[in-house]
C-alpha atoms as a PDB file:
ATOM      1  CA  UNK A   1     -35.528 -53.146 -30.449  1.00  0.00           C
ATOM      2  CA  UNK A   2     -36.248 -49.429 -30.807  1.00  0.00           C
ATOM      3  CA  UNK A   3     -39.463 -47.569 -30.161  1.00  0.00           C
ATOM      4  CA  UNK A   4     -40.737 -44.059 -30.758  1.00  0.00           C
ATOM      5  CA  UNK A   5     -39.008 -42.767 -27.612  1.00  0.00           C
ATOM      6  CA  UNK A   6     -35.611 -44.361 -28.155  1.00  0.00           C
ATOM      7  CA  UNK A   7     -32.592 -43.096 -30.066  1.00  0.00           C
ATOM      8  CA  UNK A   8     -31.490 -45.583 -32.743  1.00  0.00           C
ATOM      9  CA  UNK A   9     -27.883 -46.514 -33.459  1.00  0.00           C
ATOM     10  CA  UNK A  10     -26.709 -47.013 -37.023  1.00  0.00           C
ATOM     11  CA  UNK A  11     -23.286 -48.157 -38.194  1.00  0.00           C
ATOM     12  CA  UNK A  12     -21.536 -46.119 -40.904  1.00  0.00           C
ATOM     13  CA  UNK A  13     -24.583 -44.924 -42.831  1.00  0.00           C
ATOM     14  CA  UNK A  14     -24.080 -43.302 -46.202  1.00  0.00           C
ATOM     15  CA  UNK A  15     -24.367 -39.501 -46.130  1.00  0.00           C
ATOM     16  CA  UNK A  16     -27.396 -39.784 -48.404  1.00  0.00           C
ATOM     17  CA  UNK A  17     -29.213 -42.149 -46.047  1.00  0.00           C
ATOM     18  CA  UNK A  18     -28.287 -40.036 -43.015  1.00  0.00           C
ATOM     19  CA  UNK A  19     -29.601 -36.849 -44.607  1.00  0.00           C
ATOM     20  CA  UNK A  20     -32.768 -38.482 -45.934  1.00  0.00           C
ATOM     21  CA  UNK A  21     -33.760 -40.415 -42.811  1.00  0.00           C
ATOM     22  CA  UNK A  22     -32.472 -38.193 -40.014  1.00  0.00           C
ATOM     23  CA  UNK A  23     -31.469 -34.644 -41.018  1.00  0.00           C
ATOM     24  CA  UNK A  24     -34.440 -33.998 -43.283  1.00  0.00           C
ATOM     25  CA  UNK A  25     -36.837 -35.563 -40.769  1.00  0.00           C
ATOM     26  CA  UNK A  26     -35.062 -34.053 -37.734  1.00  0.00           C
ATOM     27  CA  UNK A  27     -34.677 -37.389 -35.964  1.00  0.00           C
ATOM     28  CA  UNK A  28     -31.819 -37.916 -33.480  1.00  0.00           C
ATOM     29  CA  UNK A  29     -29.529 -40.880 -34.091  1.00  0.00           C
ATOM     30  CA  UNK A  30     -26.182 -42.259 -32.909  1.00  0.00           C
ATOM     31  CA  UNK A  31     -23.664 -42.918 -35.689  1.00  0.00           C
ATOM     32  CA  UNK A  32     -21.079 -45.608 -34.987  1.00  0.00           C
ATOM     33  CA  UNK A  33     -18.070 -46.836 -36.950  1.00  0.00           C
ATOM     34  CA  UNK A  34     -16.974 -43.311 -37.979  1.00  0.00           C
ATOM     35  CA  UNK A  35     -15.296 -41.297 -35.212  1.00  0.00           C
ATOM     36  CA  UNK A  36     -13.983 -44.440 -33.498  1.00  0.00           C
ATOM     37  CA  UNK A  37     -11.314 -44.553 -36.228  1.00  0.00           C
ATOM     38  CA  UNK A  38      -9.914 -41.111 -35.340  1.00  0.00           C
ATOM     39  CA  UNK A  39      -6.443 -40.979 -33.714  1.00  0.00           C
ATOM     40  CA  UNK A  40      -7.929 -38.640 -31.085  1.00  0.00           C
ATOM     41  CA  UNK A  41      -9.877 -41.521 -29.546  1.00  0.00           C
ATOM     42  CA  UNK A  42      -6.672 -43.173 -28.340  1.00  0.00           C
ATOM     43  CA  UNK A  43      -4.395 -40.122 -28.123  1.00  0.00           C
ATOM     44  CA  UNK A  44      -6.355 -37.453 -26.301  1.00  0.00           C
ATOM     45  CA  UNK A  45      -5.842 -37.371 -22.576  1.00  0.00           C
ATOM     46  CA  UNK A  46      -4.639 -34.671 -20.172  1.00  0.00           C
ATOM     47  CA  UNK A  47      -0.938 -35.430 -20.713  1.00  0.00           C
ATOM     48  CA  UNK A  48      -1.251 -35.401 -24.511  1.00  0.00           C
ATOM     49  CA  UNK A  49      -3.220 -32.152 -24.585  1.00  0.00           C
ATOM     50  CA  UNK A  50      -0.729 -30.491 -22.247  1.00  0.00           C
ATOM     51  CA  UNK A  51       2.139 -31.498 -24.551  1.00  0.00           C
ATOM     52  CA  UNK A  52       0.284 -30.426 -27.672  1.00  0.00           C
ATOM     53  CA  UNK A  53      -0.796 -27.022 -26.340  1.00  0.00           C
ATOM     54  CA  UNK A  54       2.026 -25.833 -24.071  1.00  0.00           C
ATOM     55  CA  UNK A  55       1.424 -22.385 -22.657  1.00  0.00           C
ATOM     56  CA  UNK A  56      -2.198 -22.202 -23.837  1.00  0.00           C
ATOM     57  CA  UNK A  57      -4.592 -19.985 -21.875  1.00  0.00           C
ATOM     58  CA  UNK A  58      -8.217 -21.146 -21.872  1.00  0.00           C
ATOM     59  CA  UNK A  59     -11.568 -19.605 -20.780  1.00  0.00           C
ATOM     60  CA  UNK A  60     -13.015 -21.835 -18.070  1.00  0.00           C
ATOM     61  CA  UNK A  61     -16.569 -21.919 -16.775  1.00  0.00           C
ATOM     62  CA  UNK A  62     -16.590 -22.074 -12.981  1.00  0.00           C
ATOM     63  CA  UNK A  63     -19.943 -22.984 -11.473  1.00  0.00           C
ATOM     64  CA  UNK A  64     -20.164 -22.636  -7.702  1.00  0.00           C
ATOM     65  CA  UNK A  65     -23.575 -24.140  -7.111  1.00  0.00           C
ATOM     66  CA  UNK A  66     -25.811 -22.387  -4.636  1.00  0.00           C
ATOM     67  CA  UNK A  67     -28.015 -25.467  -4.186  1.00  0.00           C
ATOM     68  CA  UNK A  68     -27.900 -29.239  -4.757  1.00  0.00           C
ATOM     69  CA  UNK A  69     -28.594 -30.561  -8.224  1.00  0.00           C
ATOM     70  CA  UNK A  70     -28.195 -28.831 -11.566  1.00  0.00           C
ATOM     71  CA  UNK A  71     -30.770 -26.055 -11.457  1.00  0.00           C
ATOM     72  CA  UNK A  72     -30.445 -23.987 -14.678  1.00  0.00           C
ATOM     73  CA  UNK A  73     -31.399 -20.787 -12.827  1.00  0.00           C
ATOM     74  CA  UNK A  74     -28.576 -21.443 -10.362  1.00  0.00           C
ATOM     75  CA  UNK A  75     -26.200 -22.034 -13.278  1.00  0.00           C
ATOM     76  CA  UNK A  76     -27.087 -18.805 -15.081  1.00  0.00           C
ATOM     77  CA  UNK A  77     -26.907 -16.872 -11.810  1.00  0.00           C
ATOM     78  CA  UNK A  78     -23.644 -18.286 -10.455  1.00  0.00           C
ATOM     79  CA  UNK A  79     -21.467 -19.376 -13.389  1.00  0.00           C
ATOM     80  CA  UNK A  80     -18.342 -17.270 -13.914  1.00  0.00           C
ATOM     81  CA  UNK A  81     -15.719 -17.399 -16.665  1.00  0.00           C
ATOM     82  CA  UNK A  82     -12.032 -17.172 -15.840  1.00  0.00           C
ATOM     83  CA  UNK A  83      -8.991 -17.453 -18.105  1.00  0.00           C
ATOM     84  CA  UNK A  84      -6.275 -19.740 -16.790  1.00  0.00           C
ATOM     85  CA  UNK A  85      -3.346 -21.836 -18.080  1.00  0.00           C
ATOM     86  CA  UNK A  86      -4.549 -25.030 -19.732  1.00  0.00           C
ATOM     87  CA  UNK A  87      -2.310 -27.159 -17.517  1.00  0.00           C
ATOM     88  CA  UNK A  88      -3.828 -25.628 -14.387  1.00  0.00           C
ATOM     89  CA  UNK A  89      -7.341 -26.297 -15.688  1.00  0.00           C
ATOM     90  CA  UNK A  90      -6.554 -29.947 -16.495  1.00  0.00           C
ATOM     91  CA  UNK A  91      -5.124 -30.406 -13.002  1.00  0.00           C
ATOM     92  CA  UNK A  92      -8.358 -29.002 -11.552  1.00  0.00           C
ATOM     93  CA  UNK A  93     -10.373 -31.413 -13.695  1.00  0.00           C
ATOM     94  CA  UNK A  94      -8.346 -34.319 -12.328  1.00  0.00           C
ATOM     95  CA  UNK A  95      -9.084 -33.190  -8.772  1.00  0.00           C
ATOM     96  CA  UNK A  96     -12.711 -32.095  -9.130  1.00  0.00           C
ATOM     97  CA  UNK A  97     -16.024 -33.691  -9.973  1.00  0.00           C
ATOM     98  CA  UNK A  98     -17.121 -33.763  -6.372  1.00  0.00           C
ATOM     99  CA  UNK A  99     -18.628 -31.034  -4.272  1.00  0.00           C
ATOM    100  CA  UNK A 100     -20.443 -27.881  -5.307  1.00  0.00           C
ATOM    101  CA  UNK A 101     -17.818 -26.319  -7.608  1.00  0.00           C
ATOM    102  CA  UNK A 102     -17.082 -27.498 -11.129  1.00  0.00           C
ATOM    103  CA  UNK A 103     -14.611 -26.335 -13.775  1.00  0.00           C
ATOM    104  CA  UNK A 104     -15.528 -26.799 -17.421  1.00  0.00           C
ATOM    105  CA  UNK A 105     -13.830 -25.888 -20.687  1.00  0.00           C
ATOM    106  CA  UNK A 106     -16.902 -25.229 -22.810  1.00  0.00           C
ATOM    107  CA  UNK A 107     -17.179 -24.547 -26.534  1.00  0.00           C
ATOM    108  CA  UNK A 108     -13.437 -23.993 -27.043  1.00  0.00           C
ATOM    109  CA  UNK A 109     -12.844 -23.093 -30.747  1.00  0.00           C
ATOM    110  CA  UNK A 110     -10.097 -25.552 -31.639  1.00  0.00           C
ATOM    111  CA  UNK A 111      -9.943 -24.565 -35.336  1.00  0.00           C
ATOM    112  CA  UNK A 112      -8.708 -21.114 -34.304  1.00  0.00           C
ATOM    113  CA  UNK A 113      -7.194 -21.707 -30.875  1.00  0.00           C
ATOM    114  CA  UNK A 114      -5.726 -25.209 -31.225  1.00  0.00           C
ATOM    115  CA  UNK A 115      -5.489 -26.167 -34.936  1.00  0.00           C
ATOM    116  CA  UNK A 116      -2.845 -28.802 -34.129  1.00  0.00           C
ATOM    117  CA  UNK A 117      -5.594 -30.943 -32.585  1.00  0.00           C
ATOM    118  CA  UNK A 118      -7.445 -31.015 -35.899  1.00  0.00           C
ATOM    119  CA  UNK A 119      -4.739 -33.339 -37.214  1.00  0.00           C
ATOM    120  CA  UNK A 120      -6.126 -36.048 -34.902  1.00  0.00           C
ATOM    121  CA  UNK A 121      -9.698 -35.981 -36.211  1.00  0.00           C
ATOM    122  CA  UNK A 122     -11.568 -36.146 -39.493  1.00  0.00           C
ATOM    123  CA  UNK A 123     -14.346 -33.527 -39.423  1.00  0.00           C
ATOM    124  CA  UNK A 124     -17.559 -35.247 -40.583  1.00  0.00           C
ATOM    125  CA  UNK A 125     -18.215 -32.717 -43.335  1.00  0.00           C
ATOM    126  CA  UNK A 126     -19.707 -35.291 -45.696  1.00  0.00           C
ATOM    127  CA  UNK A 127     -22.557 -35.706 -43.221  1.00  0.00           C
ATOM    128  CA  UNK A 128     -23.062 -31.936 -42.868  1.00  0.00           C
ATOM    129  CA  UNK A 129     -24.837 -31.459 -46.175  1.00  0.00           C
ATOM    130  CA  UNK A 130     -25.257 -27.995 -47.655  1.00  0.00           C
ATOM    131  CA  UNK A 131     -27.115 -27.160 -50.895  1.00  0.00           C
ATOM    132  CA  UNK A 132     -25.088 -28.153 -53.954  1.00  0.00           C
ATOM    133  CA  UNK A 133     -26.081 -24.946 -55.766  1.00  0.00           C
ATOM    134  CA  UNK A 134     -24.281 -22.753 -53.237  1.00  0.00           C
ATOM    135  CA  UNK A 135     -20.745 -21.513 -53.959  1.00  0.00           C
ATOM    136  CA  UNK A 136     -18.180 -23.360 -51.852  1.00  0.00           C
ATOM    137  CA  UNK A 137     -17.257 -20.206 -49.936  1.00  0.00           C
ATOM    138  CA  UNK A 138     -20.895 -19.645 -48.916  1.00  0.00           C
ATOM    139  CA  UNK A 139     -21.477 -23.314 -48.138  1.00  0.00           C
ATOM    140  CA  UNK A 140     -18.440 -23.272 -45.830  1.00  0.00           C
ATOM    141  CA  UNK A 141     -20.006 -20.429 -43.849  1.00  0.00           C
ATOM    142  CA  UNK A 142     -22.983 -22.631 -43.060  1.00  0.00           C
ATOM    143  CA  UNK A 143     -20.628 -24.807 -41.010  1.00  0.00           C
ATOM    144  CA  UNK A 144     -19.601 -23.391 -37.641  1.00  0.00           C
ATOM    145  CA  UNK A 145     -16.165 -23.914 -36.137  1.00  0.00           C
ATOM    146  CA  UNK A 146     -15.886 -27.196 -34.197  1.00  0.00           C
ATOM    147  CA  UNK A 147     -15.916 -26.800 -30.429  1.00  0.00           C
ATOM    148  CA  UNK A 148     -14.013 -28.723 -27.744  1.00  0.00           C
ATOM    149  CA  UNK A 149     -15.481 -29.535 -24.315  1.00  0.00           C
ATOM    150  CA  UNK A 150     -13.414 -30.894 -21.391  1.00  0.00           C
ATOM    151  CA  UNK A 151     -14.729 -31.480 -17.897  1.00  0.00           C
ATOM    152  CA  UNK A 152     -14.707 -33.761 -14.866  1.00  0.00           C
ATOM    153  CA  UNK A 153     -17.271 -36.393 -14.014  1.00  0.00           C
ATOM    154  CA  UNK A 154     -20.438 -34.586 -13.063  1.00  0.00           C
ATOM    155  CA  UNK A 155     -19.973 -31.598 -15.365  1.00  0.00           C
ATOM    156  CA  UNK A 156     -23.289 -30.558 -16.849  1.00  0.00           C
ATOM    157  CA  UNK A 157     -24.737 -28.667 -19.783  1.00  0.00           C
ATOM    158  CA  UNK A 158     -28.227 -27.717 -18.631  1.00  0.00           C
ATOM    159  CA  UNK A 159     -31.375 -28.235 -20.704  1.00  0.00           C
ATOM    160  CA  UNK A 160     -31.397 -26.006 -23.811  1.00  0.00           C
ATOM    161  CA  UNK A 161     -31.750 -26.085 -27.581  1.00  0.00           C
ATOM    162  CA  UNK A 162     -29.618 -24.853 -30.486  1.00  0.00           C
ATOM    163  CA  UNK A 163     -30.893 -23.365 -33.727  1.00  0.00           C
ATOM    164  CA  UNK A 164     -28.310 -25.362 -35.710  1.00  0.00           C
ATOM    165  CA  UNK A 165     -27.896 -29.067 -36.395  1.00  0.00           C
ATOM    166  CA  UNK A 166     -25.264 -30.700 -34.204  1.00  0.00           C
ATOM    167  CA  UNK A 167     -22.997 -33.733 -34.576  1.00  0.00           C
ATOM    168  CA  UNK A 168     -21.784 -34.391 -31.042  1.00  0.00           C
ATOM    169  CA  UNK A 169     -18.728 -36.667 -30.821  1.00  0.00           C
ATOM    170  CA  UNK A 170     -17.569 -38.276 -27.596  1.00  0.00           C
ATOM    171  CA  UNK A 171     -13.767 -38.597 -27.535  1.00  0.00           C
ATOM    172  CA  UNK A 172     -13.124 -39.964 -24.043  1.00  0.00           C
ATOM    173  CA  UNK A 173     -15.262 -40.815 -21.062  1.00  0.00           C
ATOM    174  CA  UNK A 174     -19.021 -41.278 -21.309  1.00  0.00           C
ATOM    175  CA  UNK A 175     -21.879 -38.807 -21.205  1.00  0.00           C
ATOM    176  CA  UNK A 176     -25.537 -39.191 -20.390  1.00  0.00           C
ATOM    177  CA  UNK A 177     -27.706 -37.227 -22.807  1.00  0.00           C
ATOM    178  CA  UNK A 178     -31.395 -36.414 -22.378  1.00  0.00           C
ATOM    179  CA  UNK A 179     -33.238 -35.351 -25.544  1.00  0.00           C
ATOM    180  CA  UNK A 180     -36.728 -33.849 -25.735  1.00  0.00           C
ATOM    181  CA  UNK A 181     -38.478 -32.987 -29.019  1.00  0.00           C
ATOM    182  CA  UNK A 182     -39.229 -29.340 -29.825  1.00  0.00           C
ATOM    183  CA  UNK A 183     -42.962 -30.022 -29.924  1.00  0.00           C
ATOM    184  CA  UNK A 184     -42.832 -30.435 -26.127  1.00  0.00           C
ATOM    185  CA  UNK A 185     -41.344 -26.986 -25.459  1.00  0.00           C
ATOM    186  CA  UNK A 186     -44.439 -25.957 -23.499  1.00  0.00           C
ATOM    187  CA  UNK A 187     -43.769 -28.746 -20.990  1.00  0.00           C
ATOM    188  CA  UNK A 188     -40.279 -27.245 -20.490  1.00  0.00           C
ATOM    189  CA  UNK A 189     -41.623 -23.773 -19.625  1.00  0.00           C
ATOM    190  CA  UNK A 190     -40.357 -22.154 -22.800  1.00  0.00           C
ATOM    191  CA  UNK A 191     -39.803 -19.257 -22.986  1.00  0.00           C
ATOM    192  CA  UNK A 192     -38.556 -18.575 -19.472  1.00  0.00           C
ATOM    193  CA  UNK A 193     -38.741 -14.785 -19.195  1.00  0.00           C
ATOM    194  CA  UNK A 194     -36.592 -14.863 -16.043  1.00  0.00           C
ATOM    195  CA  UNK A 195     -33.585 -15.887 -18.168  1.00  0.00           C
ATOM    196  CA  UNK A 196     -33.429 -12.663 -20.178  1.00  0.00           C
ATOM    197  CA  UNK A 197     -31.820 -13.290 -23.558  1.00  0.00           C
ATOM    198  CA  UNK A 198     -30.989 -16.888 -22.579  1.00  0.00           C
ATOM    199  CA  UNK A 199     -34.376 -17.884 -23.945  1.00  0.00           C
ATOM    200  CA  UNK A 200     -33.041 -21.141 -25.367  1.00  0.00           C
ATOM    201  CA  UNK A 201     -32.578 -22.469 -21.801  1.00  0.00           C
ATOM    202  CA  UNK A 202     -35.291 -24.314 -19.901  1.00  0.00           C
ATOM    203  CA  UNK A 203     -35.655 -23.673 -16.146  1.00  0.00           C
ATOM    204  CA  UNK A 204     -36.210 -27.421 -15.539  1.00  0.00           C
ATOM    205  CA  UNK A 205     -33.501 -29.548 -13.929  1.00  0.00           C
ATOM    206  CA  UNK A 206     -33.835 -32.453 -16.369  1.00  0.00           C
ATOM    207  CA  UNK A 207     -32.586 -35.144 -13.965  1.00  0.00           C
ATOM    208  CA  UNK A 208     -34.155 -33.796 -10.784  1.00  0.00           C
ATOM    209  CA  UNK A 209     -37.319 -31.946 -11.867  1.00  0.00           C
ATOM    210  CA  UNK A 210     -39.269 -30.209  -9.123  1.00  0.00           C
ATOM    211  CA  UNK A 211     -42.921 -31.280  -9.507  1.00  0.00           C
ATOM    212  CA  UNK A 212     -44.116 -28.260  -7.536  1.00  0.00           C
ATOM    213  CA  UNK A 213     -42.217 -25.667  -9.608  1.00  0.00           C
ATOM    214  CA  UNK A 214     -42.545 -27.451 -12.966  1.00  0.00           C
ATOM    215  CA  UNK A 215     -45.518 -29.853 -12.912  1.00  0.00           C
ATOM    216  CA  UNK A 216     -45.962 -29.774 -16.712  1.00  0.00           C
ATOM    217  CA  UNK A 217     -42.586 -31.504 -17.172  1.00  0.00           C
ATOM    218  CA  UNK A 218     -44.237 -34.775 -16.111  1.00  0.00           C
ATOM    219  CA  UNK A 219     -45.992 -34.770 -19.510  1.00  0.00           C
ATOM    220  CA  UNK A 220     -42.708 -34.633 -21.452  1.00  0.00           C
ATOM    221  CA  UNK A 221     -41.232 -37.808 -22.966  1.00  0.00           C
ATOM    222  CA  UNK A 222     -37.445 -37.551 -22.562  1.00  0.00           C
ATOM    223  CA  UNK A 223     -35.166 -39.889 -24.488  1.00  0.00           C
ATOM    224  CA  UNK A 224     -32.072 -40.930 -22.537  1.00  0.00           C
ATOM    225  CA  UNK A 225     -28.900 -42.304 -24.057  1.00  0.00           C
ATOM    226  CA  UNK A 226     -25.297 -42.916 -22.997  1.00  0.00           C
ATOM    227  CA  UNK A 227     -22.783 -41.699 -25.594  1.00  0.00           C
ATOM    228  CA  UNK A 228     -19.425 -43.492 -25.388  1.00  0.00           C
ATOM    229  CA  UNK A 229     -15.997 -42.834 -26.936  1.00  0.00           C
ATOM    230  CA  UNK A 230     -16.060 -43.001 -30.715  1.00  0.00           C
ATOM    231  CA  UNK A 231     -19.820 -42.486 -30.956  1.00  0.00           C
ATOM    232  CA  UNK A 232     -21.387 -39.538 -32.775  1.00  0.00           C
ATOM    233  CA  UNK A 233     -24.830 -38.274 -31.733  1.00  0.00           C
ATOM    234  CA  UNK A 234     -26.899 -36.241 -34.171  1.00  0.00           C
ATOM    235  CA  UNK A 235     -28.950 -33.614 -32.291  1.00  0.00           C
ATOM    236  CA  UNK A 236     -31.358 -31.963 -34.742  1.00  0.00           C
ATOM    237  CA  UNK A 237     -31.857 -28.203 -34.636  1.00  0.00           C
ATOM    238  CA  UNK A 238     -34.346 -27.062 -31.944  1.00  0.00           C
ATOM    239  CA  UNK A 239     -34.273 -30.388 -30.061  1.00  0.00           C
ATOM    240  CA  UNK A 240     -33.812 -29.834 -26.327  1.00  0.00           C
ATOM    241  CA  UNK A 241     -30.781 -31.548 -24.826  1.00  0.00           C
ATOM    242  CA  UNK A 242     -29.119 -31.975 -21.442  1.00  0.00           C
ATOM    243  CA  UNK A 243     -25.697 -33.585 -20.955  1.00  0.00           C
ATOM    244  CA  UNK A 244     -23.888 -34.877 -17.869  1.00  0.00           C
ATOM    245  CA  UNK A 245     -20.426 -36.425 -17.863  1.00  0.00           C
ATOM    246  CA  UNK A 246     -20.410 -39.819 -16.151  1.00  0.00           C
ATOM    247  CA  UNK A 247     -16.587 -39.837 -16.213  1.00  0.00           C
ATOM    248  CA  UNK A 248     -13.875 -37.269 -16.920  1.00  0.00           C
ATOM    249  CA  UNK A 249     -14.839 -36.327 -20.443  1.00  0.00           C
ATOM    250  CA  UNK A 250     -13.630 -34.857 -23.733  1.00  0.00           C
ATOM    251  CA  UNK A 251     -16.189 -34.080 -26.448  1.00  0.00           C
ATOM    252  CA  UNK A 252     -16.425 -32.266 -29.773  1.00  0.00           C
ATOM    253  CA  UNK A 253     -19.312 -30.465 -31.446  1.00  0.00           C
ATOM    254  CA  UNK A 254     -19.781 -29.874 -35.160  1.00  0.00           C
ATOM    255  CA  UNK A 255     -22.630 -27.435 -35.855  1.00  0.00           C
ATOM    256  CA  UNK A 256     -24.038 -26.552 -39.237  1.00  0.00           C
ATOM    257  CA  UNK A 257     -26.977 -24.798 -40.833  1.00  0.00           C
ATOM    258  CA  UNK A 258     -29.264 -25.680 -43.695  1.00  0.00           C
ATOM    259  CA  UNK A 259     -31.582 -23.193 -45.417  1.00  0.00           C
ATOM    260  CA  UNK A 260     -34.326 -24.420 -43.064  1.00  0.00           C
ATOM    261  CA  UNK A 261     -32.305 -23.621 -39.913  1.00  0.00           C
ATOM    262  CA  UNK A 262     -30.570 -20.385 -40.907  1.00  0.00           C
ATOM    263  CA  UNK A 263     -33.009 -17.979 -39.273  1.00  0.00           C
ATOM    264  CA  UNK A 264     -33.863 -20.199 -36.336  1.00  0.00           C
ATOM    265  CA  UNK A 265     -37.374 -20.933 -35.028  1.00  0.00           C
ATOM    266  CA  UNK A 266     -39.720 -18.055 -35.873  1.00  0.00           C
ATOM    267  CA  UNK A 267     -41.271 -18.146 -32.410  1.00  0.00           C
ATOM    268  CA  UNK A 268     -37.859 -17.947 -30.773  1.00  0.00           C
ATOM    269  CA  UNK A 269     -36.880 -14.939 -32.884  1.00  0.00           C
ATOM    270  CA  UNK A 270     -40.109 -13.229 -31.887  1.00  0.00           C
ATOM    271  CA  UNK A 271     -39.473 -13.893 -28.190  1.00  0.00           C
ATOM    272  CA  UNK A 272     -35.882 -12.685 -28.507  1.00  0.00           C
ATOM    273  CA  UNK A 273     -36.864  -9.402 -30.176  1.00  0.00           C
ATOM    274  CA  UNK A 274     -39.592  -8.865 -27.592  1.00  0.00           C
ATOM    275  CA  UNK A 275     -36.993  -9.297 -24.848  1.00  0.00           C
ATOM    276  CA  UNK A 276     -34.565  -6.904 -26.573  1.00  0.00           C
ATOM    277  CA  UNK A 277     -37.295  -4.279 -26.948  1.00  0.00           C
ATOM    278  CA  UNK A 278     -38.309  -4.743 -23.308  1.00  0.00           C
ATOM    279  CA  UNK A 279     -34.708  -4.236 -22.167  1.00  0.00           C
ATOM    280  CA  UNK A 280     -34.232  -1.191 -24.395  1.00  0.00           C
ATOM    281  CA  UNK A 281     -37.472   0.369 -23.133  1.00  0.00           C
ATOM    282  CA  UNK A 282     -36.512  -0.312 -19.507  1.00  0.00           C
ATOM    283  CA  UNK A 283     -33.090   1.319 -19.943  1.00  0.00           C
ATOM    284  CA  UNK A 284     -34.622   4.396 -21.601  1.00  0.00           C
ATOM    285  CA  UNK A 285     -37.160   4.707 -18.810  1.00  0.00           C
ATOM    286  CA  UNK A 286     -34.440   4.491 -16.159  1.00  0.00           C
ATOM    287  CA  UNK A 287     -32.311   7.120 -17.900  1.00  0.00           C
ATOM    288  CA  UNK A 288     -35.235   9.501 -18.320  1.00  0.00           C
ATOM    289  CA  UNK A 289     -36.267   9.100 -14.671  1.00  0.00           C
ATOM    290  CA  UNK A 290     -32.686   9.597 -13.442  1.00  0.00           C
ATOM    291  CA  UNK A 291     -32.428   6.155 -11.875  1.00  0.00           C
END
């Protein structure tokens, strides 16, 4: 049974059906029977990745939380990025997941940094439809490089939206995902001016909302789902999403644009330019006043 606030699962849909029923209508869905056939599902673990990428240096997000929970303001204030050997990072992942400090390899561009890993997957390009009239070179630019994510149990991506469509593939471990439709952005306190140019982030802790700070969130209708190895979640452009690893986790993202998503939400672009102008004006004022 599935209702209006659930995320359906569908086994090996045709690209045409997927695009007609989900991409065109911007409806999230879990695709099964596709990525579970990839060699990566059985091969990728810490030992395999260490052997495959010896000597690799990776940019790691280190979040030393200043408070309990997963407050997005705390994340944006306290997260730091540090480059370290991949082996050292994977050892930290094996040891962490508890306490106030987490290490996370986020949005690692494997096509450029680790192309050997691409041999273990089959990018779902047939589901990432681009207009047939476009030259192949231009159509390819509508697809962003795939991104790798590795983290311990408890690692979090706080509530935000992307301006591109997203096929999110779970390789190992399981992740809890909370999805909220873009029409409920007002309940998520969008735009949060305190976040500067990070306007695509919500200040709400999706799993532990504070009813005093964010009472409007009670009117939102989140959709929760557990994504397991071999499953592929379609997150439509501008849908809000929050992810937490329930186990040590490896994931992949495949982002792509359509003509409808290329420029992003008009309101978001307006907010972003307003913020840029505000920052520019503030800097000019400070320089002219000698501060």
